[in-house]
PDB file of N, CA and C in Angstrom:
ATOM      1  N   UNK A   1     -33.389 111.294 -18.098  1.00  0.00           N
ATOM      2  CA  UNK A   1     -32.378 111.063 -17.075  1.00  0.00           C
ATOM      3  C   UNK A   1     -30.996 111.258 -17.696  1.00  0.00           C
ATOM      4  N   UNK A   2     -30.156 111.987 -17.007  1.00  0.00           N
ATOM      5  CA  UNK A   2     -28.784 112.225 -17.448  1.00  0.00           C
ATOM      6  C   UNK A   2     -27.924 111.012 -17.096  1.00  0.00           C
ATOM      7  N   UNK A   3     -26.997 110.665 -17.981  1.00  0.00           N
ATOM      8  CA  UNK A   3     -26.087 109.550 -17.746  1.00  0.00           C
ATOM      9  C   UNK A   3     -24.653 110.055 -17.715  1.00  0.00           C
ATOM     10  N   UNK A   4     -23.900 109.624 -16.697  1.00  0.00           N
ATOM     11  CA  UNK A   4     -22.471 109.910 -16.615  1.00  0.00           C
ATOM     12  C   UNK A   4     -21.721 108.615 -16.914  1.00  0.00           C
ATOM     13  N   UNK A   5     -20.925 108.626 -17.984  1.00  0.00           N
ATOM     14  CA  UNK A   5     -20.060 107.496 -18.317  1.00  0.00           C
ATOM     15  C   UNK A   5     -18.684 107.827 -17.756  1.00  0.00           C
ATOM     16  N   UNK A   6     -18.364 107.262 -16.609  1.00  0.00           N
ATOM     17  CA  UNK A   6     -17.167 107.639 -15.860  1.00  0.00           C
ATOM     18  C   UNK A   6     -15.990 106.705 -16.134  1.00  0.00           C
ATOM     19  N   UNK A   7     -14.838 107.331 -16.383  1.00  0.00           N
ATOM     20  CA  UNK A   7     -13.585 106.612 -16.595  1.00  0.00           C
ATOM     21  C   UNK A   7     -12.631 106.975 -15.466  1.00  0.00           C
ATOM     22  N   UNK A   8     -12.031 105.961 -14.852  1.00  0.00           N
ATOM     23  CA  UNK A   8     -11.095 106.184 -13.751  1.00  0.00           C
ATOM     24  C   UNK A   8      -9.856 106.911 -14.262  1.00  0.00           C
ATOM     25  N   UNK A   9      -9.440 107.966 -13.517  1.00  0.00           N
ATOM     26  CA  UNK A   9      -8.266 108.762 -13.895  1.00  0.00           C
ATOM     27  C   UNK A   9      -7.121 108.623 -12.909  1.00  0.00           C
ATOM     28  N   UNK A  10      -7.394 108.192 -11.685  1.00  0.00           N
ATOM     29  CA  UNK A  10      -6.339 108.046 -10.692  1.00  0.00           C
ATOM     30  C   UNK A  10      -6.840 108.436  -9.317  1.00  0.00           C
ATOM     31  N   UNK A  11      -5.909 108.426  -8.339  1.00  0.00           N
ATOM     32  CA  UNK A  11      -6.241 108.794  -6.962  1.00  0.00           C
ATOM     33  C   UNK A  11      -5.738 110.210  -6.698  1.00  0.00           C
ATOM     34  N   UNK A  12      -6.580 111.016  -6.045  1.00  0.00           N
ATOM     35  CA  UNK A  12      -6.180 112.391  -5.759  1.00  0.00           C
ATOM     36  C   UNK A  12      -5.278 112.449  -4.523  1.00  0.00           C
ATOM     37  N   UNK A  13      -4.967 113.660  -4.056  1.00  0.00           N
ATOM     38  CA  UNK A  13      -4.070 113.830  -2.907  1.00  0.00           C
ATOM     39  C   UNK A  13      -4.603 113.192  -1.625  1.00  0.00           C
ATOM     40  N   UNK A  14      -5.909 112.942  -1.562  1.00  0.00           N
ATOM     41  CA  UNK A  14      -6.512 112.321  -0.382  1.00  0.00           C
ATOM     42  C   UNK A  14      -6.750 110.829  -0.609  1.00  0.00           C
ATOM     43  N   UNK A  15      -6.216 110.307  -1.702  1.00  0.00           N
ATOM     44  CA  UNK A  15      -6.362 108.904  -2.097  1.00  0.00           C
ATOM     45  C   UNK A  15      -7.794 108.509  -2.439  1.00  0.00           C
ATOM     46  N   UNK A  16      -8.600 109.481  -2.848  1.00  0.00           N
ATOM     47  CA  UNK A  16      -9.953 109.177  -3.323  1.00  0.00           C
ATOM     48  C   UNK A  16      -9.919 108.981  -4.834  1.00  0.00           C
ATOM     49  N   UNK A  17     -10.706 108.041  -5.353  1.00  0.00           N
ATOM     50  CA  UNK A  17     -10.723 107.808  -6.791  1.00  0.00           C
ATOM     51  C   UNK A  17     -11.393 108.966  -7.540  1.00  0.00           C
ATOM     52  N   UNK A  18     -10.730 109.378  -8.624  1.00  0.00           N
ATOM     53  CA  UNK A  18     -11.222 110.459  -9.463  1.00  0.00           C
ATOM     54  C   UNK A  18     -11.606 109.873 -10.816  1.00  0.00           C
ATOM     55  N   UNK A  19     -12.763 110.288 -11.309  1.00  0.00           N
ATOM     56  CA  UNK A  19     -13.293 109.822 -12.583  1.00  0.00           C
ATOM     57  C   UNK A  19     -13.551 111.019 -13.481  1.00  0.00           C
ATOM     58  N   UNK A  20     -13.618 110.759 -14.791  1.00  0.00           N
ATOM     59  CA  UNK A  20     -13.838 111.826 -15.756  1.00  0.00           C
ATOM     60  C   UNK A  20     -14.959 111.447 -16.698  1.00  0.00           C
ATOM     61  N   UNK A  21     -15.761 112.431 -17.063  1.00  0.00           N
ATOM     62  CA  UNK A  21     -16.803 112.282 -18.081  1.00  0.00           C
ATOM     63  C   UNK A  21     -16.855 113.574 -18.878  1.00  0.00           C
ATOM     64  N   UNK A  22     -16.528 113.502 -20.149  1.00  0.00           N
ATOM     65  CA  UNK A  22     -16.582 114.656 -21.054  1.00  0.00           C
ATOM     66  C   UNK A  22     -15.824 115.860 -20.508  1.00  0.00           C
ATOM     67  N   UNK A  23     -14.640 115.616 -19.949  1.00  0.00           N
ATOM     68  CA  UNK A  23     -13.797 116.695 -19.458  1.00  0.00           C
ATOM     69  C   UNK A  23     -14.108 117.177 -18.052  1.00  0.00           C
ATOM     70  N   UNK A  24     -15.159 116.662 -17.448  1.00  0.00           N
ATOM     71  CA  UNK A  24     -15.553 117.055 -16.090  1.00  0.00           C
ATOM     72  C   UNK A  24     -15.078 115.982 -15.115  1.00  0.00           C
ATOM     73  N   UNK A  25     -14.501 116.416 -13.993  1.00  0.00           N
ATOM     74  CA  UNK A  25     -13.964 115.480 -13.003  1.00  0.00           C
ATOM     75  C   UNK A  25     -14.940 115.271 -11.853  1.00  0.00           C
ATOM     76  N   UNK A  26     -14.983 114.028 -11.376  1.00  0.00           N
ATOM     77  CA  UNK A  26     -15.838 113.630 -10.255  1.00  0.00           C
ATOM     78  C   UNK A  26     -15.004 112.799  -9.295  1.00  0.00           C
ATOM     79  N   UNK A  27     -15.334 112.879  -8.011  1.00  0.00           N
ATOM     80  CA  UNK A  27     -14.622 112.119  -6.996  1.00  0.00           C
ATOM     81  C   UNK A  27     -15.636 111.313  -6.188  1.00  0.00           C
ATOM     82  N   UNK A  28     -15.269 110.079  -5.869  1.00  0.00           N
ATOM     83  CA  UNK A  28     -16.093 109.216  -5.015  1.00  0.00           C
ATOM     84  C   UNK A  28     -15.577 109.383  -3.591  1.00  0.00           C
ATOM     85  N   UNK A  29     -16.340 110.098  -2.753  1.00  0.00           N
ATOM     86  CA  UNK A  29     -15.855 110.400  -1.408  1.00  0.00           C
ATOM     87  C   UNK A  29     -16.144 109.292  -0.403  1.00  0.00           C
ATOM     88  N   UNK A  30     -16.743 108.208  -0.861  1.00  0.00           N
ATOM     89  CA  UNK A  30     -17.013 107.076   0.029  1.00  0.00           C
ATOM     90  C   UNK A  30     -16.778 105.763  -0.723  1.00  0.00           C
ATOM     91  N   UNK A  31     -15.522 105.515  -1.150  1.00  0.00           N
ATOM     92  CA  UNK A  31     -15.257 104.337  -1.962  1.00  0.00           C
ATOM     93  C   UNK A  31     -15.361 103.011  -1.222  1.00  0.00           C
ATOM     94  N   UNK A  32     -15.607 103.046   0.086  1.00  0.00           N
ATOM     95  CA  UNK A  32     -15.779 101.782   0.810  1.00  0.00           C
ATOM     96  C   UNK A  32     -17.254 101.434   0.986  1.00  0.00           C
ATOM     97  N   UNK A  33     -18.139 102.207   0.401  1.00  0.00           N
ATOM     98  CA  UNK A  33     -19.573 101.955   0.471  1.00  0.00           C
ATOM     99  C   UNK A  33     -20.030 101.297  -0.831  1.00  0.00           C
ATOM    100  N   UNK A  34     -21.059 100.497  -0.780  1.00  0.00           N
ATOM    101  CA  UNK A  34     -21.513  99.790  -1.977  1.00  0.00           C
ATOM    102  C   UNK A  34     -22.086 100.728  -3.045  1.00  0.00           C
ATOM    103  N   UNK A  35     -22.586 101.885  -2.633  1.00  0.00           N
ATOM    104  CA  UNK A  35     -23.128 102.865  -3.564  1.00  0.00           C
ATOM    105  C   UNK A  35     -22.157 104.035  -3.672  1.00  0.00           C
ATOM    106  N   UNK A  36     -21.746 104.421  -4.883  1.00  0.00           N
ATOM    107  CA  UNK A  36     -20.816 105.547  -5.011  1.00  0.00           C
ATOM    108  C   UNK A  36     -21.423 106.847  -4.492  1.00  0.00           C
ATOM    109  N   UNK A  37     -20.602 107.680  -3.896  1.00  0.00           N
ATOM    110  CA  UNK A  37     -21.010 108.997  -3.404  1.00  0.00           C
ATOM    111  C   UNK A  37     -20.184 110.019  -4.188  1.00  0.00           C
ATOM    112  N   UNK A  38     -20.663 110.354  -5.376  1.00  0.00           N
ATOM    113  CA  UNK A  38     -19.904 111.166  -6.323  1.00  0.00           C
ATOM    114  C   UNK A  38     -20.179 112.650  -6.161  1.00  0.00           C
ATOM    115  N   UNK A  39     -19.092 113.419  -6.224  1.00  0.00           N
ATOM    116  CA  UNK A  39     -19.154 114.877  -6.156  1.00  0.00           C
ATOM    117  C   UNK A  39     -18.301 115.450  -7.281  1.00  0.00           C
ATOM    118  N   UNK A  40     -18.634 116.668  -7.699  1.00  0.00           N
ATOM    119  CA  UNK A  40     -17.773 117.366  -8.642  1.00  0.00           C
ATOM    120  C   UNK A  40     -16.500 117.783  -7.921  1.00  0.00           C
ATOM    121  N   UNK A  41     -15.470 118.112  -8.685  1.00  0.00           N
ATOM    122  CA  UNK A  41     -14.211 118.596  -8.126  1.00  0.00           C
ATOM    123  C   UNK A  41     -14.185 120.115  -8.225  1.00  0.00           C
ATOM    124  N   UNK A  42     -13.782 120.788  -7.158  1.00  0.00           N
ATOM    125  CA  UNK A  42     -13.688 122.236  -7.126  1.00  0.00           C
ATOM    126  C   UNK A  42     -12.793 122.732  -8.262  1.00  0.00           C
ATOM    127  N   UNK A  43     -13.280 123.683  -9.028  1.00  0.00           N
ATOM    128  CA  UNK A  43     -12.565 124.261 -10.180  1.00  0.00           C
ATOM    129  C   UNK A  43     -12.155 123.208 -11.201  1.00  0.00           C
ATOM    130  N   UNK A  44     -12.771 122.032 -11.125  1.00  0.00           N
ATOM    131  CA  UNK A  44     -12.467 120.920 -12.023  1.00  0.00           C
ATOM    132  C   UNK A  44     -10.984 120.551 -11.991  1.00  0.00           C
ATOM    133  N   UNK A  45     -10.362 120.722 -10.825  1.00  0.00           N
ATOM    134  CA  UNK A  45      -8.952 120.375 -10.647  1.00  0.00           C
ATOM    135  C   UNK A  45      -8.835 118.978 -10.060  1.00  0.00           C
ATOM    136  N   UNK A  46      -7.893 118.203 -10.587  1.00  0.00           N
ATOM    137  CA  UNK A  46      -7.730 116.814 -10.158  1.00  0.00           C
ATOM    138  C   UNK A  46      -7.593 116.693  -8.649  1.00  0.00           C
ATOM    139  N   UNK A  47      -6.776 117.536  -8.032  1.00  0.00           N
ATOM    140  CA  UNK A  47      -6.577 117.470  -6.582  1.00  0.00           C
ATOM    141  C   UNK A  47      -7.441 118.482  -5.828  1.00  0.00           C
ATOM    142  N   UNK A  48      -8.424 119.051  -6.516  1.00  0.00           N
ATOM    143  CA  UNK A  48      -9.335 119.988  -5.867  1.00  0.00           C
ATOM    144  C   UNK A  48     -10.233 119.287  -4.854  1.00  0.00           C
ATOM    145  N   UNK A  49     -10.856 120.085  -4.000  1.00  0.00           N
ATOM    146  CA  UNK A  49     -11.775 119.554  -2.985  1.00  0.00           C
ATOM    147  C   UNK A  49     -13.039 119.007  -3.644  1.00  0.00           C
ATOM    148  N   UNK A  50     -13.685 118.077  -2.966  1.00  0.00           N
ATOM    149  CA  UNK A  50     -15.002 117.624  -3.400  1.00  0.00           C
ATOM    150  C   UNK A  50     -15.957 118.797  -3.239  1.00  0.00           C
ATOM    151  N   UNK A  51     -16.818 119.008  -4.242  1.00  0.00           N
ATOM    152  CA  UNK A  51     -17.690 120.170  -4.195  1.00  0.00           C
ATOM    153  C   UNK A  51     -19.155 119.746  -4.110  1.00  0.00           C
ATOM    154  N   UNK A  52     -19.847 119.690  -5.213  1.00  0.00           N
ATOM    155  CA  UNK A  52     -21.286 119.429  -5.205  1.00  0.00           C
ATOM    156  C   UNK A  52     -21.593 117.962  -5.507  1.00  0.00           C
ATOM    157  N   UNK A  53     -22.518 117.365  -4.757  1.00  0.00           N
ATOM    158  CA  UNK A  53     -22.916 115.986  -5.071  1.00  0.00           C
ATOM    159  C   UNK A  53     -23.695 115.945  -6.381  1.00  0.00           C
ATOM    160  N   UNK A  54     -23.585 114.836  -7.087  1.00  0.00           N
ATOM    161  CA  UNK A  54     -24.385 114.692  -8.307  1.00  0.00           C
ATOM    162  C   UNK A  54     -25.833 114.439  -7.883  1.00  0.00           C
ATOM    163  N   UNK A  55     -26.749 114.737  -8.762  1.00  0.00           N
ATOM    164  CA  UNK A  55     -28.165 114.566  -8.459  1.00  0.00           C
ATOM    165  C   UNK A  55     -28.585 113.112  -8.393  1.00  0.00           C
ATOM    166  N   UNK A  56     -29.656 112.876  -7.693  1.00  0.00           N
ATOM    167  CA  UNK A  56     -30.181 111.507  -7.573  1.00  0.00           C
ATOM    168  C   UNK A  56     -30.808 111.034  -8.887  1.00  0.00           C
ATOM    169  N   UNK A  57     -31.064 111.968  -9.798  1.00  0.00           N
ATOM    170  CA  UNK A  57     -31.667 111.630 -11.085  1.00  0.00           C
ATOM    171  C   UNK A  57     -30.619 111.317 -12.150  1.00  0.00           C
ATOM    172  N   UNK A  58     -29.360 111.168 -11.741  1.00  0.00           N
ATOM    173  CA  UNK A  58     -28.259 110.890 -12.674  1.00  0.00           C
ATOM    174  C   UNK A  58     -27.913 109.411 -12.631  1.00  0.00           C
ATOM    175  N   UNK A  59     -27.882 108.792 -13.800  1.00  0.00           N
ATOM    176  CA  UNK A  59     -27.464 107.394 -13.914  1.00  0.00           C
ATOM    177  C   UNK A  59     -25.948 107.364 -14.076  1.00  0.00           C
ATOM    178  N   UNK A  60     -25.282 106.523 -13.313  1.00  0.00           N
ATOM    179  CA  UNK A  60     -23.826 106.419 -13.353  1.00  0.00           C
ATOM    180  C   UNK A  60     -23.429 105.089 -13.990  1.00  0.00           C
ATOM    181  N   UNK A  61     -22.563 105.180 -15.001  1.00  0.00           N
ATOM    182  CA  UNK A  61     -22.028 103.998 -15.670  1.00  0.00           C
ATOM    183  C   UNK A  61     -20.509 104.098 -15.593  1.00  0.00           C
ATOM    184  N   UNK A  62     -19.874 103.113 -15.002  1.00  0.00           N
ATOM    185  CA  UNK A  62     -18.416 103.075 -14.914  1.00  0.00           C
ATOM    186  C   UNK A  62     -17.887 102.352 -16.145  1.00  0.00           C
ATOM    187  N   UNK A  63     -17.130 103.085 -16.993  1.00  0.00           N
ATOM    188  CA  UNK A  63     -16.570 102.479 -18.203  1.00  0.00           C
ATOM    189  C   UNK A  63     -15.286 101.721 -17.893  1.00  0.00           C
ATOM    190  N   UNK A  64     -14.726 101.968 -16.730  1.00  0.00           N
ATOM    191  CA  UNK A  64     -13.618 101.185 -16.187  1.00  0.00           C
ATOM    192  C   UNK A  64     -14.081 100.761 -14.793  1.00  0.00           C
ATOM    193  N   UNK A  65     -13.491  99.743 -14.220  1.00  0.00           N
ATOM    194  CA  UNK A  65     -13.970  99.275 -12.919  1.00  0.00           C
ATOM    195  C   UNK A  65     -13.951 100.389 -11.860  1.00  0.00           C
ATOM    196  N   UNK A  66     -14.956 100.387 -11.014  1.00  0.00           N
ATOM    197  CA  UNK A  66     -15.006 101.335  -9.895  1.00  0.00           C
ATOM    198  C   UNK A  66     -13.949 100.932  -8.876  1.00  0.00           C
ATOM    199  N   UNK A  67     -13.209 101.933  -8.413  1.00  0.00           N
ATOM    200  CA  UNK A  67     -12.166 101.694  -7.414  1.00  0.00           C
ATOM    201  C   UNK A  67     -12.799 101.758  -6.035  1.00  0.00           C
ATOM    202  N   UNK A  68     -12.643 100.674  -5.265  1.00  0.00           N
ATOM    203  CA  UNK A  68     -13.188 100.609  -3.910  1.00  0.00           C
ATOM    204  C   UNK A  68     -12.086 100.222  -2.939  1.00  0.00           C
ATOM    205  N   UNK A  69     -12.302 100.567  -1.684  1.00  0.00           N
ATOM    206  CA  UNK A  69     -11.335 100.218  -0.637  1.00  0.00           C
ATOM    207  C   UNK A  69     -11.788  98.979   0.080  1.00  0.00           C
TER     208      UNK A  69
END
């Protein structure tokens, strides 16, 4: 199983929380839900659109607190 150790980087232009793991950016497109809904960022740009969802076989570890609404 792959593990993502995510560190909070800030809020993007849509006010969604952006996280980073090994240089790759991820966005939580549903921060008001109890389970994160993480997607990659288009072109790995901080303010890029949400692109592909992470797989269900990926373990997520937040190294900083998860930002929720």
